[in-house]
Structure formats: C-alpha cells, structure tokens
PDB file of N, CA and C in Angstrom:
ATOM      1  N   UNK A   1     104.005 -44.821  16.972  1.00  0.00           N
ATOM      2  CA  UNK A   1     102.992 -45.012  17.979  1.00  0.00           C
ATOM      3  C   UNK A   1     103.626 -45.294  19.350  1.00  0.00           C
ATOM      4  N   UNK A   2     104.758 -45.977  19.358  1.00  0.00           N
ATOM      5  CA  UNK A   2     105.368 -46.304  20.640  1.00  0.00           C
ATOM      6  C   UNK A   2     105.929 -45.071  21.347  1.00  0.00           C
ATOM      7  N   UNK A   3     106.114 -43.984  20.624  1.00  0.00           N
ATOM      8  CA  UNK A   3     106.624 -42.766  21.257  1.00  0.00           C
ATOM      9  C   UNK A   3     105.567 -42.109  22.137  1.00  0.00           C
ATOM     10  N   UNK A   4     104.301 -42.489  21.946  1.00  0.00           N
ATOM     11  CA  UNK A   4     103.232 -41.945  22.775  1.00  0.00           C
ATOM     12  C   UNK A   4     103.154 -42.642  24.135  1.00  0.00           C
ATOM     13  N   UNK A   5     103.755 -43.821  24.251  1.00  0.00           N
ATOM     14  CA  UNK A   5     103.705 -44.585  25.492  1.00  0.00           C
ATOM     15  C   UNK A   5     104.749 -44.071  26.477  1.00  0.00           C
ATOM     16  N   UNK A   6     104.514 -44.282  27.765  1.00  0.00           N
ATOM     17  CA  UNK A   6     105.554 -43.938  28.749  1.00  0.00           C
ATOM     18  C   UNK A   6     106.788 -44.815  28.560  1.00  0.00           C
ATOM     19  N   UNK A   7     107.885 -44.358  29.144  1.00  0.00           N
ATOM     20  CA  UNK A   7     109.169 -45.013  28.931  1.00  0.00           C
ATOM     21  C   UNK A   7     109.157 -46.468  29.396  1.00  0.00           C
ATOM     22  N   UNK A   8     108.578 -46.771  30.552  1.00  0.00           N
ATOM     23  CA  UNK A   8     108.586 -48.138  31.070  1.00  0.00           C
ATOM     24  C   UNK A   8     107.726 -49.070  30.211  1.00  0.00           C
ATOM     25  N   UNK A   9     106.660 -48.575  29.620  1.00  0.00           N
ATOM     26  CA  UNK A   9     105.857 -49.407  28.715  1.00  0.00           C
ATOM     27  C   UNK A   9     106.564 -49.632  27.384  1.00  0.00           C
ATOM     28  N   UNK A  10     107.301 -48.622  26.929  1.00  0.00           N
ATOM     29  CA  UNK A  10     108.097 -48.795  25.711  1.00  0.00           C
ATOM     30  C   UNK A  10     109.174 -49.849  25.902  1.00  0.00           C
ATOM     31  N   UNK A  11     109.816 -49.850  27.068  1.00  0.00           N
ATOM     32  CA  UNK A  11     110.843 -50.848  27.362  1.00  0.00           C
ATOM     33  C   UNK A  11     110.237 -52.242  27.396  1.00  0.00           C
ATOM     34  N   UNK A  12     109.078 -52.379  28.039  1.00  0.00           N
ATOM     35  CA  UNK A  12     108.403 -53.677  28.101  1.00  0.00           C
ATOM     36  C   UNK A  12     107.975 -54.133  26.703  1.00  0.00           C
ATOM     37  N   UNK A  13     107.474 -53.221  25.907  1.00  0.00           N
ATOM     38  CA  UNK A  13     107.040 -53.530  24.547  1.00  0.00           C
ATOM     39  C   UNK A  13     108.224 -53.989  23.689  1.00  0.00           C
ATOM     40  N   UNK A  14     109.303 -53.239  23.736  1.00  0.00           N
ATOM     41  CA  UNK A  14     110.469 -53.583  22.922  1.00  0.00           C
ATOM     42  C   UNK A  14     111.145 -54.867  23.404  1.00  0.00           C
ATOM     43  N   UNK A  15     111.193 -55.102  24.707  1.00  0.00           N
ATOM     44  CA  UNK A  15     111.798 -56.333  25.207  1.00  0.00           C
ATOM     45  C   UNK A  15     110.941 -57.544  24.847  1.00  0.00           C
ATOM     46  N   UNK A  16     109.639 -57.423  24.905  1.00  0.00           N
ATOM     47  CA  UNK A  16     108.759 -58.517  24.488  1.00  0.00           C
ATOM     48  C   UNK A  16     108.886 -58.805  23.006  1.00  0.00           C
ATOM     49  N   UNK A  17     108.961 -57.764  22.217  1.00  0.00           N
ATOM     50  CA  UNK A  17     109.106 -57.924  20.777  1.00  0.00           C
ATOM     51  C   UNK A  17     110.445 -58.580  20.417  1.00  0.00           C
ATOM     52  N   UNK A  18     111.517 -58.140  21.069  1.00  0.00           N
ATOM     53  CA  UNK A  18     112.826 -58.723  20.772  1.00  0.00           C
ATOM     54  C   UNK A  18     112.932 -60.153  21.302  1.00  0.00           C
ATOM     55  N   UNK A  19     112.283 -60.468  22.429  1.00  0.00           N
ATOM     56  CA  UNK A  19     112.281 -61.837  22.943  1.00  0.00           C
ATOM     57  C   UNK A  19     111.536 -62.759  21.982  1.00  0.00           C
ATOM     58  N   UNK A  20     110.425 -62.296  21.438  1.00  0.00           N
ATOM     59  CA  UNK A  20     109.683 -63.092  20.459  1.00  0.00           C
ATOM     60  C   UNK A  20     110.508 -63.316  19.202  1.00  0.00           C
ATOM     61  N   UNK A  21     111.195 -62.292  18.748  1.00  0.00           N
ATOM     62  CA  UNK A  21     112.033 -62.416  17.563  1.00  0.00           C
ATOM     63  C   UNK A  21     113.182 -63.402  17.798  1.00  0.00           C
ATOM     64  N   UNK A  22     113.809 -63.328  18.968  1.00  0.00           N
ATOM     65  CA  UNK A  22     114.904 -64.258  19.291  1.00  0.00           C
ATOM     66  C   UNK A  22     114.384 -65.689  19.389  1.00  0.00           C
ATOM     67  N   UNK A  23     113.221 -65.874  19.982  1.00  0.00           N
ATOM     68  CA  UNK A  23     112.643 -67.205  20.105  1.00  0.00           C
ATOM     69  C   UNK A  23     112.331 -67.794  18.730  1.00  0.00           C
ATOM     70  N   UNK A  24     111.824 -66.996  17.827  1.00  0.00           N
ATOM     71  CA  UNK A  24     111.540 -67.469  16.473  1.00  0.00           C
ATOM     72  C   UNK A  24     112.819 -67.812  15.725  1.00  0.00           C
ATOM     73  N   UNK A  25     113.876 -67.036  15.940  1.00  0.00           N
ATOM     74  CA  UNK A  25     115.158 -67.338  15.293  1.00  0.00           C
ATOM     75  C   UNK A  25     115.760 -68.632  15.837  1.00  0.00           C
ATOM     76  N   UNK A  26     115.680 -68.843  17.134  1.00  0.00           N
ATOM     77  CA  UNK A  26     116.194 -70.079  17.729  1.00  0.00           C
ATOM     78  C   UNK A  26     115.409 -71.278  17.214  1.00  0.00           C
ATOM     79  N   UNK A  27     114.099 -71.138  17.089  1.00  0.00           N
ATOM     80  CA  UNK A  27     113.272 -72.226  16.577  1.00  0.00           C
ATOM     81  C   UNK A  27     113.614 -72.537  15.121  1.00  0.00           C
ATOM     82  N   UNK A  28     113.859 -71.511  14.322  1.00  0.00           N
ATOM     83  CA  UNK A  28     114.210 -71.733  12.918  1.00  0.00           C
ATOM     84  C   UNK A  28     115.567 -72.418  12.781  1.00  0.00           C
ATOM     85  N   UNK A  29     116.548 -71.982  13.575  1.00  0.00           N
ATOM     86  CA  UNK A  29     117.871 -72.608  13.531  1.00  0.00           C
ATOM     87  C   UNK A  29     117.790 -74.050  14.028  1.00  0.00           C
ATOM     88  N   UNK A  30     117.001 -74.276  15.061  1.00  0.00           N
ATOM     89  CA  UNK A  30     116.827 -75.623  15.594  1.00  0.00           C
ATOM     90  C   UNK A  30     116.181 -76.545  14.558  1.00  0.00           C
ATOM     91  N   UNK A  31     115.177 -76.052  13.889  1.00  0.00           N
ATOM     92  CA  UNK A  31     114.496 -76.846  12.863  1.00  0.00           C
ATOM     93  C   UNK A  31     115.437 -77.155  11.705  1.00  0.00           C
ATOM     94  N   UNK A  32     116.209 -76.172  11.277  1.00  0.00           N
ATOM     95  CA  UNK A  32     117.145 -76.384  10.174  1.00  0.00           C
ATOM     96  C   UNK A  32     118.237 -77.374  10.553  1.00  0.00           C
ATOM     97  N   UNK A  33     118.786 -77.242  11.758  1.00  0.00           N
ATOM     98  CA  UNK A  33     119.841 -78.171  12.164  1.00  0.00           C
ATOM     99  C   UNK A  33     119.303 -79.584  12.326  1.00  0.00           C
ATOM    100  N   UNK A  34     118.098 -79.742  12.843  1.00  0.00           N
ATOM    101  CA  UNK A  34     117.508 -81.073  12.962  1.00  0.00           C
ATOM    102  C   UNK A  34     117.256 -81.670  11.584  1.00  0.00           C
ATOM    103  N   UNK A  35     116.804 -80.857  10.659  1.00  0.00           N
ATOM    104  CA  UNK A  35     116.574 -81.344   9.299  1.00  0.00           C
ATOM    105  C   UNK A  35     117.878 -81.801   8.647  1.00  0.00           C
ATOM    106  N   UNK A  36     118.943 -81.040   8.860  1.00  0.00           N
ATOM    107  CA  UNK A  36     120.242 -81.416   8.299  1.00  0.00           C
ATOM    108  C   UNK A  36     120.792 -82.679   8.959  1.00  0.00           C
ATOM    109  N   UNK A  37     120.626 -82.800  10.274  1.00  0.00           N
ATOM    110  CA  UNK A  37     121.113 -83.988  10.964  1.00  0.00           C
ATOM    111  C   UNK A  37     120.360 -85.244  10.524  1.00  0.00           C
ATOM    112  N   UNK A  38     119.061 -85.149  10.367  1.00  0.00           N
ATOM    113  CA  UNK A  38     118.271 -86.319  10.014  1.00  0.00           C
ATOM    114  C   UNK A  38     118.333 -86.652   8.527  1.00  0.00           C
ATOM    115  N   UNK A  39     118.936 -85.784   7.738  1.00  0.00           N
ATOM    116  CA  UNK A  39     119.066 -86.030   6.310  1.00  0.00           C
ATOM    117  C   UNK A  39     120.190 -87.025   5.994  1.00  0.00           C
ATOM    118  N   UNK A  40     121.120 -87.211   6.905  1.00  0.00           N
ATOM    119  CA  UNK A  40     122.271 -88.102   6.703  1.00  0.00           C
ATOM    120  C   UNK A  40     121.800 -89.554   6.783  1.00  0.00           C
ATOM    121  N   UNK A  41     122.050 -90.336   5.709  1.00  0.00           N
ATOM    122  CA  UNK A  41     121.581 -91.719   5.673  1.00  0.00           C
ATOM    123  C   UNK A  41     122.680 -92.721   5.357  1.00  0.00           C
ATOM    124  N   UNK A  42     123.916 -92.297   5.246  1.00  0.00           N
ATOM    125  CA  UNK A  42     125.002 -93.215   4.898  1.00  0.00           C
ATOM    126  C   UNK A  42     125.336 -94.186   6.019  1.00  0.00           C
ATOM    127  N   UNK A  43     124.890 -93.914   7.243  1.00  0.00           N
ATOM    128  CA  UNK A  43     125.179 -94.794   8.361  1.00  0.00           C
ATOM    129  C   UNK A  43     124.538 -96.165   8.180  1.00  0.00           C
ATOM    130  N   UNK A  44     123.470 -96.228   7.385  1.00  0.00           N
ATOM    131  CA  UNK A  44     122.767 -97.503   7.199  1.00  0.00           C
ATOM    132  C   UNK A  44     123.597 -98.503   6.399  1.00  0.00           C
ATOM    133  N   UNK A  45     124.516 -98.025   5.585  1.00  0.00           N
ATOM    134  CA  UNK A  45     125.260 -98.899   4.681  1.00  0.00           C
ATOM    135  C   UNK A  45     126.678 -99.187   5.165  1.00  0.00           C
ATOM    136  N   UNK A  46     127.046 -98.709   6.334  1.00  0.00           N
ATOM    137  CA  UNK A  46     128.387 -98.942   6.856  1.00  0.00           C
ATOM    138  C   UNK A  46     128.392-100.181   7.743  1.00  0.00           C
ATOM    139  N   UNK A  47     129.408-101.020   7.557  1.00  0.00           N
ATOM    140  CA  UNK A  47     129.533-102.186   8.425  1.00  0.00           C
ATOM    141  C   UNK A  47     130.132-101.789   9.763  1.00  0.00           C
ATOM    142  N   UNK A  48     131.167-100.953   9.720  1.00  0.00           N
ATOM    143  CA  UNK A  48     131.767-100.416  10.938  1.00  0.00           C
ATOM    144  C   UNK A  48     131.579 -98.902  10.899  1.00  0.00           C
ATOM    145  N   UNK A  49     131.006 -98.312  11.960  1.00  0.00           N
ATOM    146  CA  UNK A  49     130.742 -96.866  11.936  1.00  0.00           C
ATOM    147  C   UNK A  49     132.025 -96.045  11.792  1.00  0.00           C
ATOM    148  N   UNK A  50     131.993 -95.112  10.866  1.00  0.00           N
ATOM    149  CA  UNK A  50     133.140 -94.228  10.664  1.00  0.00           C
ATOM    150  C   UNK A  50     133.159 -93.149  11.749  1.00  0.00           C
ATOM    151  N   UNK A  51     134.221 -92.376  11.765  1.00  0.00           N
ATOM    152  CA  UNK A  51     134.345 -91.294  12.733  1.00  0.00           C
ATOM    153  C   UNK A  51     133.263 -90.243  12.504  1.00  0.00           C
ATOM    154  N   UNK A  52     132.957 -89.975  11.243  1.00  0.00           N
ATOM    155  CA  UNK A  52     131.904 -89.010  10.926  1.00  0.00           C
ATOM    156  C   UNK A  52     130.554 -89.502  11.421  1.00  0.00           C
ATOM    157  N   UNK A  53     130.281 -90.801  11.262  1.00  0.00           N
ATOM    158  CA  UNK A  53     129.010 -91.359  11.705  1.00  0.00           C
ATOM    159  C   UNK A  53     128.904 -91.315  13.225  1.00  0.00           C
ATOM    160  N   UNK A  54     129.999 -91.548  13.911  1.00  0.00           N
ATOM    161  CA  UNK A  54     129.985 -91.460  15.373  1.00  0.00           C
ATOM    162  C   UNK A  54     129.728 -90.024  15.828  1.00  0.00           C
ATOM    163  N   UNK A  55     130.363 -89.073  15.178  1.00  0.00           N
ATOM    164  CA  UNK A  55     130.147 -87.661  15.521  1.00  0.00           C
ATOM    165  C   UNK A  55     128.709 -87.254  15.221  1.00  0.00           C
ATOM    166  N   UNK A  56     128.173 -87.750  14.114  1.00  0.00           N
ATOM    167  CA  UNK A  56     126.781 -87.478  13.759  1.00  0.00           C
ATOM    168  C   UNK A  56     125.836 -88.045  14.819  1.00  0.00           C
ATOM    169  N   UNK A  57     126.086 -89.266  15.257  1.00  0.00           N
ATOM    170  CA  UNK A  57     125.253 -89.886  16.280  1.00  0.00           C
ATOM    171  C   UNK A  57     125.327 -89.152  17.605  1.00  0.00           C
ATOM    172  N   UNK A  58     126.513 -88.698  17.965  1.00  0.00           N
ATOM    173  CA  UNK A  58     126.675 -87.932  19.195  1.00  0.00           C
ATOM    174  C   UNK A  58     125.933 -86.593  19.106  1.00  0.00           C
ATOM    175  N   UNK A  59     126.034 -85.935  17.955  1.00  0.00           N
ATOM    176  CA  UNK A  59     125.323 -84.659  17.776  1.00  0.00           C
ATOM    177  C   UNK A  59     123.821 -84.871  17.816  1.00  0.00           C
ATOM    178  N   UNK A  60     123.349 -85.933  17.205  1.00  0.00           N
ATOM    179  CA  UNK A  60     121.920 -86.233  17.190  1.00  0.00           C
ATOM    180  C   UNK A  60     121.426 -86.548  18.601  1.00  0.00           C
ATOM    181  N   UNK A  61     122.198 -87.340  19.338  1.00  0.00           N
ATOM    182  CA  UNK A  61     121.805 -87.687  20.703  1.00  0.00           C
ATOM    183  C   UNK A  61     121.776 -86.454  21.590  1.00  0.00           C
ATOM    184  N   UNK A  62     122.792 -85.631  21.483  1.00  0.00           N
ATOM    185  CA  UNK A  62     122.825 -84.436  22.325  1.00  0.00           C
ATOM    186  C   UNK A  62     121.711 -83.469  21.943  1.00  0.00           C
ATOM    187  N   UNK A  63     121.390 -83.389  20.668  1.00  0.00           N
ATOM    188  CA  UNK A  63     120.310 -82.506  20.230  1.00  0.00           C
ATOM    189  C   UNK A  63     118.974 -82.982  20.780  1.00  0.00           C
ATOM    190  N   UNK A  64     118.727 -84.293  20.735  1.00  0.00           N
ATOM    191  CA  UNK A  64     117.487 -84.829  21.267  1.00  0.00           C
ATOM    192  C   UNK A  64     117.413 -84.664  22.780  1.00  0.00           C
ATOM    193  N   UNK A  65     118.523 -84.865  23.487  1.00  0.00           N
ATOM    194  CA  UNK A  65     118.511 -84.707  24.936  1.00  0.00           C
ATOM    195  C   UNK A  65     118.249 -83.264  25.330  1.00  0.00           C
ATOM    196  N   UNK A  66     118.858 -82.325  24.620  1.00  0.00           N
ATOM    197  CA  UNK A  66     118.634 -80.913  24.923  1.00  0.00           C
ATOM    198  C   UNK A  66     117.183 -80.558  24.625  1.00  0.00           C
ATOM    199  N   UNK A  67     116.615 -81.063  23.535  1.00  0.00           N
ATOM    200  CA  UNK A  67     115.221 -80.773  23.206  1.00  0.00           C
ATOM    201  C   UNK A  67     114.300 -81.393  24.231  1.00  0.00           C
ATOM    202  N   UNK A  68     114.624 -82.597  24.704  1.00  0.00           N
ATOM    203  CA  UNK A  68     113.779 -83.254  25.695  1.00  0.00           C
ATOM    204  C   UNK A  68     113.833 -82.539  27.026  1.00  0.00           C
ATOM    205  N   UNK A  69     115.004 -82.066  27.414  1.00  0.00           N
ATOM    206  CA  UNK A  69     115.151 -81.371  28.693  1.00  0.00           C
ATOM    207  C   UNK A  69     114.396 -80.039  28.650  1.00  0.00           C
ATOM    208  N   UNK A  70     114.419 -79.366  27.494  1.00  0.00           N
ATOM    209  CA  UNK A  70     113.711 -78.101  27.364  1.00  0.00           C
ATOM    210  C   UNK A  70     112.208 -78.288  27.529  1.00  0.00           C
ATOM    211  N   UNK A  71     111.674 -79.397  27.001  1.00  0.00           N
ATOM    212  CA  UNK A  71     110.242 -79.625  27.063  1.00  0.00           C
ATOM    213  C   UNK A  71     109.779 -80.070  28.446  1.00  0.00           C
ATOM    214  N   UNK A  72     110.645 -80.733  29.172  1.00  0.00           N
ATOM    215  CA  UNK A  72     110.240 -81.284  30.481  1.00  0.00           C
ATOM    216  C   UNK A  72     110.218 -80.227  31.563  1.00  0.00           C
TER     217      UNK A  72
END
C-alpha cells in the first residue's frame, strides 16, 4: 500500500514508524534495566557498603536523574 503514496509521504510514514519502534525499544530496555536495578536487596544487610553496592547506588541514582530530566 505504501508504494501507492508519493515518495515524500513514504519517507514520512517510514520515519514515523521507525521512530515509534525505536521509542518502544528504548522504553522496554529502560523498564528491564530499572527492574533489574531495583531487584538487588543485599544492600540492606551490609554494615559497610561494598564496592558493588556503591556502583549499584550510583547506577540507580544516575538512572533516576536521567529519567527525571527527560520528564521535566
């Protein structure tokens, strides 16, 4: 059906479709990474934070800041 459209409308159609697909992929990866980050619970039982826990906290903080900046 898209072959019946003029070239400039086909380009707009395909770019919109690919932008939507990329946006959905970014949202899925973002959701999966947030789920994996929030699944870690060993930090609650540590008296002194380990290097892994510090890296986890930094990743979580940066993820939240990037998400907050995107929404604002």
